[in-house]
Amino acid sequence: MIWLKMLIGALMVLAIQLFAQTRFFYLAALAPLFPTFTLISHFIVGTERSPADLKVALIFSMLGVIPHLIYTFVVFFSIVTSAYYKALLFGVVAWTIAAAILVLHGSTFRLSCG
């Protein structure tokens, strides 16, 4: 099973690289949002844990979009005033802070779903 997961990950990286080299370069930003890894994680949680645990994972997945949006907004607005790598770094820092807040409040999801 681990080889399949590694193959899927490698194929996603290849798809991103190929999209980036075409006139449809913007699809390179959409490809990582395909729920490849989400499907894998939900399959694993769904087969190894209870339905209540899967519900917690599903809610956490939905809320996990928030750090991604924060990253995207920070890079979008800082790319105008900062160097490229610095804007990406700002985005990663913002994502890390938002994800940490989400993880620290994760016990709330278990209580509300379980």
PDB file of N, CA and C in Angstrom:
ATOM      1  N   MET A   1       0.827  -1.203   0.000  1.00  0.00           N
ATOM      2  CA  MET A   1       0.000   0.000   0.000  1.00  0.00           C
ATOM      3  C   MET A   1       0.862   1.255   0.000  1.00  0.00           C
ATOM      4  N   ILE A   2       1.997   1.218   0.699  1.00  0.00           N
ATOM      5  CA  ILE A   2       2.845   2.411   0.762  1.00  0.00           C
ATOM      6  C   ILE A   2       3.429   2.758  -0.610  1.00  0.00           C
ATOM      7  N   TRP A   3       3.691   1.748  -1.428  1.00  0.00           N
ATOM      8  CA  TRP A   3       4.217   2.009  -2.770  1.00  0.00           C
ATOM      9  C   TRP A   3       3.184   2.721  -3.624  1.00  0.00           C
ATOM     10  N   LEU A   4       1.930   2.362  -3.467  1.00  0.00           N
ATOM     11  CA  LEU A   4       0.866   3.025  -4.207  1.00  0.00           C
ATOM     12  C   LEU A   4       0.773   4.495  -3.806  1.00  0.00           C
ATOM     13  N   LYS A   5       0.880   4.771  -2.524  1.00  0.00           N
ATOM     14  CA  LYS A   5       0.827   6.151  -2.035  1.00  0.00           C
ATOM     15  C   LYS A   5       2.006   6.954  -2.580  1.00  0.00           C
ATOM     16  N   MET A   6       3.179   6.346  -2.593  1.00  0.00           N
ATOM     17  CA  MET A   6       4.363   7.044  -3.116  1.00  0.00           C
ATOM     18  C   MET A   6       4.205   7.298  -4.617  1.00  0.00           C
ATOM     19  N   LEU A   7       3.654   6.353  -5.340  1.00  0.00           N
ATOM     20  CA  LEU A   7       3.435   6.513  -6.772  1.00  0.00           C
ATOM     21  C   LEU A   7       2.443   7.638  -7.051  1.00  0.00           C
ATOM     22  N   ILE A   8       1.369   7.673  -6.287  1.00  0.00           N
ATOM     23  CA  ILE A   8       0.376   8.736  -6.460  1.00  0.00           C
ATOM     24  C   ILE A   8       1.010  10.101  -6.197  1.00  0.00           C
ATOM     25  N   GLY A   9       1.806  10.199  -5.132  1.00  0.00           N
ATOM     26  CA  GLY A   9       2.484  11.457  -4.830  1.00  0.00           C
ATOM     27  C   GLY A   9       3.428  11.882  -5.947  1.00  0.00           C
ATOM     28  N   ALA A  10       4.191  10.929  -6.471  1.00  0.00           N
ATOM     29  CA  ALA A  10       5.115  11.230  -7.562  1.00  0.00           C
ATOM     30  C   ALA A  10       4.362  11.663  -8.817  1.00  0.00           C
ATOM     31  N   LEU A  11       3.235  11.034  -9.099  1.00  0.00           N
ATOM     32  CA  LEU A  11       2.433  11.417 -10.257  1.00  0.00           C
ATOM     33  C   LEU A  11       1.863  12.823 -10.106  1.00  0.00           C
ATOM     34  N   MET A  12       1.482  13.186  -8.886  1.00  0.00           N
ATOM     35  CA  MET A  12       0.976  14.545  -8.656  1.00  0.00           C
ATOM     36  C   MET A  12       2.077  15.586  -8.896  1.00  0.00           C
ATOM     37  N   VAL A  13       3.290  15.296  -8.415  1.00  0.00           N
ATOM     38  CA  VAL A  13       4.410  16.224  -8.636  1.00  0.00           C
ATOM     39  C   VAL A  13       4.696  16.344 -10.134  1.00  0.00           C
ATOM     40  N   LEU A  14       4.656  15.231 -10.843  1.00  0.00           N
ATOM     41  CA  LEU A  14       4.867  15.244 -12.289  1.00  0.00           C
ATOM     42  C   LEU A  14       3.784  16.053 -12.991  1.00  0.00           C
ATOM     43  N   ALA A  15       2.531  15.884 -12.578  1.00  0.00           N
ATOM     44  CA  ALA A  15       1.432  16.647 -13.177  1.00  0.00           C
ATOM     45  C   ALA A  15       1.611  18.143 -12.949  1.00  0.00           C
ATOM     46  N   ILE A  16       2.023  18.519 -11.755  1.00  0.00           N
ATOM     47  CA  ILE A  16       2.259  19.937 -11.451  1.00  0.00           C
ATOM     48  C   ILE A  16       3.352  20.492 -12.356  1.00  0.00           C
ATOM     49  N   GLN A  17       4.454  19.748 -12.491  1.00  0.00           N
ATOM     50  CA  GLN A  17       5.570  20.192 -13.334  1.00  0.00           C
ATOM     51  C   GLN A  17       5.131  20.324 -14.794  1.00  0.00           C
ATOM     52  N   LEU A  18       4.386  19.360 -15.283  1.00  0.00           N
ATOM     53  CA  LEU A  18       3.927  19.403 -16.675  1.00  0.00           C
ATOM     54  C   LEU A  18       2.961  20.560 -16.909  1.00  0.00           C
ATOM     55  N   PHE A  19       2.029  20.768 -15.995  1.00  0.00           N
ATOM     56  CA  PHE A  19       1.101  21.890 -16.128  1.00  0.00           C
ATOM     57  C   PHE A  19       1.848  23.221 -16.130  1.00  0.00           C
ATOM     58  N   ALA A  20       2.852  23.341 -15.291  1.00  0.00           N
ATOM     59  CA  ALA A  20       3.602  24.597 -15.180  1.00  0.00           C
ATOM     60  C   ALA A  20       4.315  24.961 -16.484  1.00  0.00           C
ATOM     61  N   GLN A  21       4.588  23.989 -17.314  1.00  0.00           N
ATOM     62  CA  GLN A  21       5.318  24.223 -18.558  1.00  0.00           C
ATOM     63  C   GLN A  21       4.408  24.455 -19.759  1.00  0.00           C
ATOM     64  N   THR A  22       3.096  24.446 -19.544  1.00  0.00           N
ATOM     65  CA  THR A  22       2.161  24.639 -20.646  1.00  0.00           C
ATOM     66  C   THR A  22       1.560  26.036 -20.591  1.00  0.00           C
ATOM     67  N   ARG A  23       0.755  26.334 -21.599  1.00  0.00           N
ATOM     68  CA  ARG A  23       0.068  27.632 -21.566  1.00  0.00           C
ATOM     69  C   ARG A  23      -1.036  27.638 -20.511  1.00  0.00           C
ATOM     70  N   PHE A  24      -1.371  26.469 -19.985  1.00  0.00           N
ATOM     71  CA  PHE A  24      -2.342  26.342 -18.909  1.00  0.00           C
ATOM     72  C   PHE A  24      -1.622  26.230 -17.564  1.00  0.00           C
ATOM     73  N   PHE A  25      -0.588  27.047 -17.369  1.00  0.00           N
ATOM     74  CA  PHE A  25       0.265  27.003 -16.176  1.00  0.00           C
ATOM     75  C   PHE A  25      -0.523  27.122 -14.879  1.00  0.00           C
ATOM     76  N   TYR A  26      -1.650  27.816 -14.916  1.00  0.00           N
ATOM     77  CA  TYR A  26      -2.448  28.017 -13.709  1.00  0.00           C
ATOM     78  C   TYR A  26      -3.024  26.703 -13.176  1.00  0.00           C
ATOM     79  N   LEU A  27      -3.107  25.681 -14.017  1.00  0.00           N
ATOM     80  CA  LEU A  27      -3.564  24.377 -13.539  1.00  0.00           C
ATOM     81  C   LEU A  27      -2.562  23.744 -12.578  1.00  0.00           C
ATOM     82  N   ALA A  28      -1.321  24.206 -12.621  1.00  0.00           N
ATOM     83  CA  ALA A  28      -0.321  23.725 -11.664  1.00  0.00           C
ATOM     84  C   ALA A  28      -0.715  24.114 -10.240  1.00  0.00           C
ATOM     85  N   ALA A  29      -1.448  25.199 -10.099  1.00  0.00           N
ATOM     86  CA  ALA A  29      -1.924  25.614  -8.775  1.00  0.00           C
ATOM     87  C   ALA A  29      -3.186  24.848  -8.367  1.00  0.00           C
ATOM     88  N   LEU A  30      -3.906  24.315  -9.333  1.00  0.00           N
ATOM     89  CA  LEU A  30      -5.121  23.556  -9.030  1.00  0.00           C
ATOM     90  C   LEU A  30      -4.810  22.091  -8.719  1.00  0.00           C
ATOM     91  N   ALA A  31      -3.801  21.535  -9.361  1.00  0.00           N
ATOM     92  CA  ALA A  31      -3.474  20.113  -9.202  1.00  0.00           C
ATOM     93  C   ALA A  31      -3.258  19.695  -7.741  1.00  0.00           C
ATOM     94  N   PRO A  32      -2.521  20.475  -6.922  1.00  0.00           N
ATOM     95  CA  PRO A  32      -2.336  20.025  -5.538  1.00  0.00           C
ATOM     96  C   PRO A  32      -3.626  20.049  -4.716  1.00  0.00           C
ATOM     97  N   LEU A  33      -4.636  20.738  -5.219  1.00  0.00           N
ATOM     98  CA  LEU A  33      -5.896  20.793  -4.489  1.00  0.00           C
ATOM     99  C   LEU A  33      -6.799  19.607  -4.813  1.00  0.00           C
ATOM    100  N   PHE A  34      -6.400  18.800  -5.807  1.00  0.00           N
ATOM    101  CA  PHE A  34      -7.142  17.566  -6.050  1.00  0.00           C
ATOM    102  C   PHE A  34      -7.001  16.712  -4.802  1.00  0.00           C
ATOM    103  N   PRO A  35      -8.078  16.127  -4.327  1.00  0.00           N
ATOM    104  CA  PRO A  35      -8.034  15.476  -3.014  1.00  0.00           C
ATOM    105  C   PRO A  35      -7.332  14.110  -2.983  1.00  0.00           C
ATOM    106  N   THR A  36      -6.217  13.985  -3.687  1.00  0.00           N
ATOM    107  CA  THR A  36      -5.482  12.718  -3.709  1.00  0.00           C
ATOM    108  C   THR A  36      -5.137  12.249  -2.306  1.00  0.00           C
ATOM    109  N   PHE A  37      -4.428  13.088  -1.578  1.00  0.00           N
ATOM    110  CA  PHE A  37      -3.982  12.695  -0.245  1.00  0.00           C
ATOM    111  C   PHE A  37      -5.130  12.700   0.754  1.00  0.00           C
ATOM    112  N   THR A  38      -6.115  13.531   0.519  1.00  0.00           N
ATOM    113  CA  THR A  38      -7.292  13.537   1.376  1.00  0.00           C
ATOM    114  C   THR A  38      -8.052  12.222   1.227  1.00  0.00           C
ATOM    115  N   LEU A  39      -8.188  11.758  -0.005  1.00  0.00           N
ATOM    116  CA  LEU A  39      -8.843  10.464  -0.235  1.00  0.00           C
ATOM    117  C   LEU A  39      -8.098   9.342   0.478  1.00  0.00           C
ATOM    118  N   ILE A  40      -6.774   9.357   0.371  1.00  0.00           N
ATOM    119  CA  ILE A  40      -5.971   8.323   1.028  1.00  0.00           C
ATOM    120  C   ILE A  40      -6.166   8.393   2.543  1.00  0.00           C
ATOM    121  N   SER A  41      -6.089   9.591   3.105  1.00  0.00           N
ATOM    122  CA  SER A  41      -6.219   9.709   4.561  1.00  0.00           C
ATOM    123  C   SER A  41      -7.615   9.324   5.034  1.00  0.00           C
ATOM    124  N   HIS A  42      -8.647   9.720   4.289  1.00  0.00           N
ATOM    125  CA  HIS A  42     -10.009   9.366   4.687  1.00  0.00           C
ATOM    126  C   HIS A  42     -10.245   7.865   4.534  1.00  0.00           C
ATOM    127  N   PHE A  43      -9.653   7.264   3.522  1.00  0.00           N
ATOM    128  CA  PHE A  43      -9.766   5.810   3.367  1.00  0.00           C
ATOM    129  C   PHE A  43      -9.127   5.092   4.549  1.00  0.00           C
ATOM    130  N   ILE A  44      -7.924   5.542   4.929  1.00  0.00           N
ATOM    131  CA  ILE A  44      -7.223   4.896   6.043  1.00  0.00           C
ATOM    132  C   ILE A  44      -7.982   5.090   7.350  1.00  0.00           C
ATOM    133  N   VAL A  45      -8.390   6.327   7.630  1.00  0.00           N
ATOM    134  CA  VAL A  45      -9.140   6.587   8.866  1.00  0.00           C
ATOM    135  C   VAL A  45     -10.459   5.821   8.845  1.00  0.00           C
ATOM    136  N   GLY A  46     -11.142   5.815   7.691  1.00  0.00           N
ATOM    137  CA  GLY A  46     -12.430   5.148   7.584  1.00  0.00           C
ATOM    138  C   GLY A  46     -12.359   3.643   7.750  1.00  0.00           C
ATOM    139  N   THR A  47     -11.244   3.041   7.370  1.00  0.00           N
ATOM    140  CA  THR A  47     -11.123   1.587   7.503  1.00  0.00           C
ATOM    141  C   THR A  47     -10.491   1.158   8.818  1.00  0.00           C
ATOM    142  N   GLU A  48      -9.784   2.063   9.479  1.00  0.00           N
ATOM    143  CA  GLU A  48      -9.092   1.691  10.713  1.00  0.00           C
ATOM    144  C   GLU A  48      -9.711   2.280  11.971  1.00  0.00           C
ATOM    145  N   ARG A  49     -10.621   3.227  11.822  1.00  0.00           N
ATOM    146  CA  ARG A  49     -11.218   3.890  12.984  1.00  0.00           C
ATOM    147  C   ARG A  49     -12.736   3.814  12.892  1.00  0.00           C
ATOM    148  N   SER A  50     -13.389   4.381  13.883  1.00  0.00           N
ATOM    149  CA  SER A  50     -14.853   4.355  13.933  1.00  0.00           C
ATOM    150  C   SER A  50     -15.445   5.435  13.018  1.00  0.00           C
ATOM    151  N   PRO A  51     -16.734   5.295  12.681  1.00  0.00           N
ATOM    152  CA  PRO A  51     -17.394   6.354  11.901  1.00  0.00           C
ATOM    153  C   PRO A  51     -17.327   7.726  12.594  1.00  0.00           C
ATOM    154  N   ALA A  52     -17.393   7.743  13.924  1.00  0.00           N
ATOM    155  CA  ALA A  52     -17.290   9.013  14.650  1.00  0.00           C
ATOM    156  C   ALA A  52     -15.903   9.639  14.447  1.00  0.00           C
ATOM    157  N   ASP A  53     -14.863   8.815  14.446  1.00  0.00           N
ATOM    158  CA  ASP A  53     -13.513   9.328  14.204  1.00  0.00           C
ATOM    159  C   ASP A  53     -13.379   9.853  12.776  1.00  0.00           C
ATOM    160  N   LEU A  54     -14.015   9.170  11.827  1.00  0.00           N
ATOM    161  CA  LEU A  54     -13.984   9.651  10.446  1.00  0.00           C
ATOM    162  C   LEU A  54     -14.684  10.997  10.337  1.00  0.00           C
ATOM    163  N   LYS A  55     -15.786  11.172  11.053  1.00  0.00           N
ATOM    164  CA  LYS A  55     -16.473  12.468  11.036  1.00  0.00           C
ATOM    165  C   LYS A  55     -15.570  13.577  11.558  1.00  0.00           C
ATOM    166  N   VAL A  56     -14.801  13.298  12.603  1.00  0.00           N
ATOM    167  CA  VAL A  56     -13.860  14.285  13.138  1.00  0.00           C
ATOM    168  C   VAL A  56     -12.826  14.624  12.075  1.00  0.00           C
ATOM    169  N   ALA A  57     -12.295  13.594  11.414  1.00  0.00           N
ATOM    170  CA  ALA A  57     -11.300  13.824  10.365  1.00  0.00           C
ATOM    171  C   ALA A  57     -11.889  14.631   9.210  1.00  0.00           C
ATOM    172  N   LEU A  58     -13.135  14.375   8.863  1.00  0.00           N
ATOM    173  CA  LEU A  58     -13.783  15.110   7.774  1.00  0.00           C
ATOM    174  C   LEU A  58     -13.959  16.590   8.124  1.00  0.00           C
ATOM    175  N   ILE A  59     -14.401  16.862   9.341  1.00  0.00           N
ATOM    176  CA  ILE A  59     -14.553  18.258   9.764  1.00  0.00           C
ATOM    177  C   ILE A  59     -13.189  18.947   9.795  1.00  0.00           C
ATOM    178  N   PHE A  60     -12.195  18.243  10.302  1.00  0.00           N
ATOM    179  CA  PHE A  60     -10.847  18.812  10.351  1.00  0.00           C
ATOM    180  C   PHE A  60     -10.340  19.094   8.939  1.00  0.00           C
ATOM    181  N   SER A  61     -10.667  18.228   7.980  1.00  0.00           N
ATOM    182  CA  SER A  61     -10.294  18.457   6.582  1.00  0.00           C
ATOM    183  C   SER A  61     -10.950  19.718   6.034  1.00  0.00           C
ATOM    184  N   MET A  62     -12.235  19.886   6.359  1.00  0.00           N
ATOM    185  CA  MET A  62     -12.938  21.085   5.890  1.00  0.00           C
ATOM    186  C   MET A  62     -12.301  22.350   6.453  1.00  0.00           C
ATOM    187  N   LEU A  63     -11.985  22.316   7.727  1.00  0.00           N
ATOM    188  CA  LEU A  63     -11.375  23.481   8.356  1.00  0.00           C
ATOM    189  C   LEU A  63      -9.919  23.667   7.919  1.00  0.00           C
ATOM    190  N   GLY A  64      -9.307  22.600   7.426  1.00  0.00           N
ATOM    191  CA  GLY A  64      -7.932  22.683   6.952  1.00  0.00           C
ATOM    192  C   GLY A  64      -7.769  23.556   5.718  1.00  0.00           C
ATOM    193  N   VAL A  65      -8.869  23.893   5.083  1.00  0.00           N
ATOM    194  CA  VAL A  65      -8.824  24.795   3.933  1.00  0.00           C
ATOM    195  C   VAL A  65      -8.446  26.214   4.385  1.00  0.00           C
ATOM    196  N   ILE A  66      -8.778  26.551   5.606  1.00  0.00           N
ATOM    197  CA  ILE A  66      -8.525  27.901   6.117  1.00  0.00           C
ATOM    198  C   ILE A  66      -7.030  28.247   6.094  1.00  0.00           C
ATOM    199  N   PRO A  67      -6.133  27.409   6.623  1.00  0.00           N
ATOM    200  CA  PRO A  67      -4.710  27.746   6.516  1.00  0.00           C
ATOM    201  C   PRO A  67      -4.229  27.899   5.068  1.00  0.00           C
ATOM    202  N   HIS A  68      -4.780  27.086   4.171  1.00  0.00           N
ATOM    203  CA  HIS A  68      -4.399  27.211   2.756  1.00  0.00           C
ATOM    204  C   HIS A  68      -4.845  28.558   2.187  1.00  0.00           C
ATOM    205  N   LEU A  69      -6.054  28.970   2.518  1.00  0.00           N
ATOM    206  CA  LEU A  69      -6.534  30.275   2.050  1.00  0.00           C
ATOM    207  C   LEU A  69      -5.684  31.409   2.618  1.00  0.00           C
ATOM    208  N   ILE A  70      -5.320  31.293   3.880  1.00  0.00           N
ATOM    209  CA  ILE A  70      -4.478  32.318   4.500  1.00  0.00           C
ATOM    210  C   ILE A  70      -3.126  32.388   3.796  1.00  0.00           C
ATOM    211  N   TYR A  71      -2.522  31.224   3.525  1.00  0.00           N
ATOM    212  CA  TYR A  71      -1.258  31.185   2.785  1.00  0.00           C
ATOM    213  C   TYR A  71      -1.403  31.895   1.435  1.00  0.00           C
ATOM    214  N   THR A  72      -2.466  31.555   0.709  1.00  0.00           N
ATOM    215  CA  THR A  72      -2.675  32.120  -0.622  1.00  0.00           C
ATOM    216  C   THR A  72      -2.851  33.629  -0.567  1.00  0.00           C
ATOM    217  N   PHE A  73      -3.655  34.116   0.373  1.00  0.00           N
ATOM    218  CA  PHE A  73      -3.856  35.561   0.504  1.00  0.00           C
ATOM    219  C   PHE A  73      -2.557  36.277   0.859  1.00  0.00           C
ATOM    220  N   VAL A  74      -1.795  35.728   1.801  1.00  0.00           N
ATOM    221  CA  VAL A  74      -0.546  36.378   2.221  1.00  0.00           C
ATOM    222  C   VAL A  74       0.427  36.456   1.046  1.00  0.00           C
ATOM    223  N   VAL A  75       0.585  35.378   0.302  1.00  0.00           N
ATOM    224  CA  VAL A  75       1.487  35.413  -0.855  1.00  0.00           C
ATOM    225  C   VAL A  75       0.958  36.381  -1.911  1.00  0.00           C
ATOM    226  N   PHE A  76      -0.338  36.341  -2.177  1.00  0.00           N
ATOM    227  CA  PHE A  76      -0.942  37.215  -3.184  1.00  0.00           C
ATOM    228  C   PHE A  76      -0.676  38.689  -2.888  1.00  0.00           C
ATOM    229  N   PHE A  77      -0.848  39.080  -1.639  1.00  0.00           N
ATOM    230  CA  PHE A  77      -0.690  40.492  -1.308  1.00  0.00           C
ATOM    231  C   PHE A  77       0.759  40.881  -1.031  1.00  0.00           C
ATOM    232  N   SER A  78       1.597  39.960  -0.589  1.00  0.00           N
ATOM    233  CA  SER A  78       2.983  40.327  -0.292  1.00  0.00           C
ATOM    234  C   SER A  78       3.897  40.224  -1.507  1.00  0.00           C
ATOM    235  N   ILE A  79       3.464  39.551  -2.555  1.00  0.00           N
ATOM    236  CA  ILE A  79       4.306  39.410  -3.749  1.00  0.00           C
ATOM    237  C   ILE A  79       4.542  40.759  -4.428  1.00  0.00           C
ATOM    238  N   VAL A  80       3.644  41.698  -4.207  1.00  0.00           N
ATOM    239  CA  VAL A  80       3.762  43.029  -4.808  1.00  0.00           C
ATOM    240  C   VAL A  80       4.849  43.854  -4.112  1.00  0.00           C
ATOM    241  N   THR A  81       4.988  43.679  -2.802  1.00  0.00           N
ATOM    242  CA  THR A  81       5.910  44.512  -2.037  1.00  0.00           C
ATOM    243  C   THR A  81       7.173  43.795  -1.585  1.00  0.00           C
ATOM    244  N   SER A  82       7.217  42.467  -1.731  1.00  0.00           N
ATOM    245  CA  SER A  82       8.359  41.699  -1.240  1.00  0.00           C
ATOM    246  C   SER A  82       8.972  40.885  -2.371  1.00  0.00           C
ATOM    247  N   ALA A  83      10.198  40.455  -2.167  1.00  0.00           N
ATOM    248  CA  ALA A  83      10.840  39.555  -3.113  1.00  0.00           C
ATOM    249  C   ALA A  83      10.070  38.234  -3.142  1.00  0.00           C
ATOM    250  N   TYR A  84      10.179  37.523  -4.245  1.00  0.00           N
ATOM    251  CA  TYR A  84       9.435  36.288  -4.464  1.00  0.00           C
ATOM    252  C   TYR A  84       9.601  35.289  -3.326  1.00  0.00           C
ATOM    253  N   TYR A  85      10.845  34.963  -2.977  1.00  0.00           N
ATOM    254  CA  TYR A  85      11.085  33.974  -1.930  1.00  0.00           C
ATOM    255  C   TYR A  85      10.614  34.462  -0.563  1.00  0.00           C
ATOM    256  N   LYS A  86      10.732  35.743  -0.334  1.00  0.00           N
ATOM    257  CA  LYS A  86      10.269  36.299   0.937  1.00  0.00           C
ATOM    258  C   LYS A  86       8.744  36.217   1.030  1.00  0.00           C
ATOM    259  N   ALA A  87       8.051  36.485  -0.064  1.00  0.00           N
ATOM    260  CA  ALA A  87       6.589  36.387  -0.076  1.00  0.00           C
ATOM    261  C   ALA A  87       6.154  34.946   0.197  1.00  0.00           C
ATOM    262  N   LEU A  88       6.859  33.980  -0.409  1.00  0.00           N
ATOM    263  CA  LEU A  88       6.541  32.574  -0.144  1.00  0.00           C
ATOM    264  C   LEU A  88       6.799  32.220   1.315  1.00  0.00           C
ATOM    265  N   LEU A  89       7.901  32.740   1.862  1.00  0.00           N
ATOM    266  CA  LEU A  89       8.221  32.498   3.268  1.00  0.00           C
ATOM    267  C   LEU A  89       7.146  33.082   4.174  1.00  0.00           C
ATOM    268  N   PHE A  90       6.698  34.302   3.877  1.00  0.00           N
ATOM    269  CA  PHE A  90       5.609  34.905   4.657  1.00  0.00           C
ATOM    270  C   PHE A  90       4.362  34.019   4.613  1.00  0.00           C
ATOM    271  N   GLY A  91       4.056  33.493   3.430  1.00  0.00           N
ATOM    272  CA  GLY A  91       2.904  32.621   3.284  1.00  0.00           C
ATOM    273  C   GLY A  91       3.030  31.347   4.115  1.00  0.00           C
ATOM    274  N   VAL A  92       4.229  30.754   4.104  1.00  0.00           N
ATOM    275  CA  VAL A  92       4.454  29.532   4.880  1.00  0.00           C
ATOM    276  C   VAL A  92       4.338  29.814   6.376  1.00  0.00           C
ATOM    277  N   VAL A  93       4.869  30.944   6.814  1.00  0.00           N
ATOM    278  CA  VAL A  93       4.760  31.310   8.232  1.00  0.00           C
ATOM    279  C   VAL A  93       3.291  31.511   8.612  1.00  0.00           C
ATOM    280  N   ALA A  94       2.553  32.198   7.748  1.00  0.00           N
ATOM    281  CA  ALA A  94       1.125  32.414   8.027  1.00  0.00           C
ATOM    282  C   ALA A  94       0.370  31.088   8.045  1.00  0.00           C
ATOM    283  N   TRP A  95       0.694  30.181   7.104  1.00  0.00           N
ATOM    284  CA  TRP A  95       0.058  28.861   7.085  1.00  0.00           C
ATOM    285  C   TRP A  95       0.373  28.103   8.373  1.00  0.00           C
ATOM    286  N   THR A  96       1.623  28.164   8.803  1.00  0.00           N
ATOM    287  CA  THR A  96       2.050  27.448  10.016  1.00  0.00           C
ATOM    288  C   THR A  96       1.296  27.945  11.244  1.00  0.00           C
ATOM    289  N   ILE A  97       1.164  29.252  11.355  1.00  0.00           N
ATOM    290  CA  ILE A  97       0.442  29.819  12.497  1.00  0.00           C
ATOM    291  C   ILE A  97      -1.034  29.407  12.452  1.00  0.00           C
ATOM    292  N   ALA A  98      -1.654  29.526  11.283  1.00  0.00           N
ATOM    293  CA  ALA A  98      -3.069  29.156  11.155  1.00  0.00           C
ATOM    294  C   ALA A  98      -3.270  27.661  11.414  1.00  0.00           C
ATOM    295  N   ALA A  99      -2.368  26.830  10.895  1.00  0.00           N
ATOM    296  CA  ALA A  99      -2.479  25.380  11.118  1.00  0.00           C
ATOM    297  C   ALA A  99      -2.260  25.037  12.586  1.00  0.00           C
ATOM    298  N   ALA A 100      -1.336  25.723  13.237  1.00  0.00           N
ATOM    299  CA  ALA A 100      -1.090  25.466  14.661  1.00  0.00           C
ATOM    300  C   ALA A 100      -2.327  25.805  15.491  1.00  0.00           C
ATOM    301  N   ILE A 101      -2.971  26.907  15.170  1.00  0.00           N
ATOM    302  CA  ILE A 101      -4.206  27.280  15.866  1.00  0.00           C
ATOM    303  C   ILE A 101      -5.274  26.212  15.646  1.00  0.00           C
ATOM    304  N   LEU A 102      -5.380  25.748  14.411  1.00  0.00           N
ATOM    305  CA  LEU A 102      -6.352  24.702  14.098  1.00  0.00           C
ATOM    306  C   LEU A 102      -6.064  23.420  14.872  1.00  0.00           C
ATOM    307  N   VAL A 103      -4.802  23.026  14.921  1.00  0.00           N
ATOM    308  CA  VAL A 103      -4.427  21.796  15.631  1.00  0.00           C
ATOM    309  C   VAL A 103      -4.638  21.943  17.137  1.00  0.00           C
ATOM    310  N   LEU A 104      -4.286  23.106  17.670  1.00  0.00           N
ATOM    311  CA  LEU A 104      -4.448  23.321  19.112  1.00  0.00           C
ATOM    312  C   LEU A 104      -5.909  23.285  19.543  1.00  0.00           C
ATOM    313  N   HIS A 105      -6.792  23.619  18.637  1.00  0.00           N
ATOM    314  CA  HIS A 105      -8.223  23.583  18.948  1.00  0.00           C
ATOM    315  C   HIS A 105      -8.883  22.306  18.432  1.00  0.00           C
ATOM    316  N   GLY A 106      -8.091  21.334  18.041  1.00  0.00           N
ATOM    317  CA  GLY A 106      -8.604  20.085  17.489  1.00  0.00           C
ATOM    318  C   GLY A 106      -9.452  19.283  18.453  1.00  0.00           C
ATOM    319  N   SER A 107      -9.176  19.396  19.740  1.00  0.00           N
ATOM    320  CA  SER A 107      -9.980  18.639  20.715  1.00  0.00           C
ATOM    321  C   SER A 107     -11.429  19.090  20.703  1.00  0.00           C
ATOM    322  N   THR A 108     -11.694  20.304  20.304  1.00  0.00           N
ATOM    323  CA  THR A 108     -13.061  20.814  20.205  1.00  0.00           C
ATOM    324  C   THR A 108     -13.861  20.015  19.180  1.00  0.00           C
ATOM    325  N   PHE A 109     -13.207  19.626  18.073  1.00  0.00           N
ATOM    326  CA  PHE A 109     -13.903  18.883  17.030  1.00  0.00           C
ATOM    327  C   PHE A 109     -14.301  17.500  17.527  1.00  0.00           C
ATOM    328  N   ARG A 110     -13.436  16.883  18.309  1.00  0.00           N
ATOM    329  CA  ARG A 110     -13.728  15.551  18.834  1.00  0.00           C
ATOM    330  C   ARG A 110     -14.932  15.617  19.765  1.00  0.00           C
ATOM    331  N   LEU A 111     -14.976  16.653  20.582  1.00  0.00           N
ATOM    332  CA  LEU A 111     -16.086  16.779  21.525  1.00  0.00           C
ATOM    333  C   LEU A 111     -17.407  17.044  20.793  1.00  0.00           C
ATOM    334  N   SER A 112     -17.369  17.849  19.737  1.00  0.00           N
ATOM    335  CA  SER A 112     -18.596  18.205  19.060  1.00  0.00           C
ATOM    336  C   SER A 112     -19.095  17.094  18.121  1.00  0.00           C
ATOM    337  N   CYS A 113     -18.193  16.180  17.702  1.00  0.00           N
ATOM    338  CA  CYS A 113     -18.611  15.107  16.786  1.00  0.00           C
ATOM    339  C   CYS A 113     -18.815  13.778  17.487  1.00  0.00           C
ATOM    340  N   GLY A 114     -18.087  13.574  18.550  1.00  0.00           N
ATOM    341  CA  GLY A 114     -18.083  12.243  19.154  1.00  0.00           C
ATOM    342  C   GLY A 114     -19.144  12.035  20.115  1.00  0.00           C
TER     343      GLY A 114
END
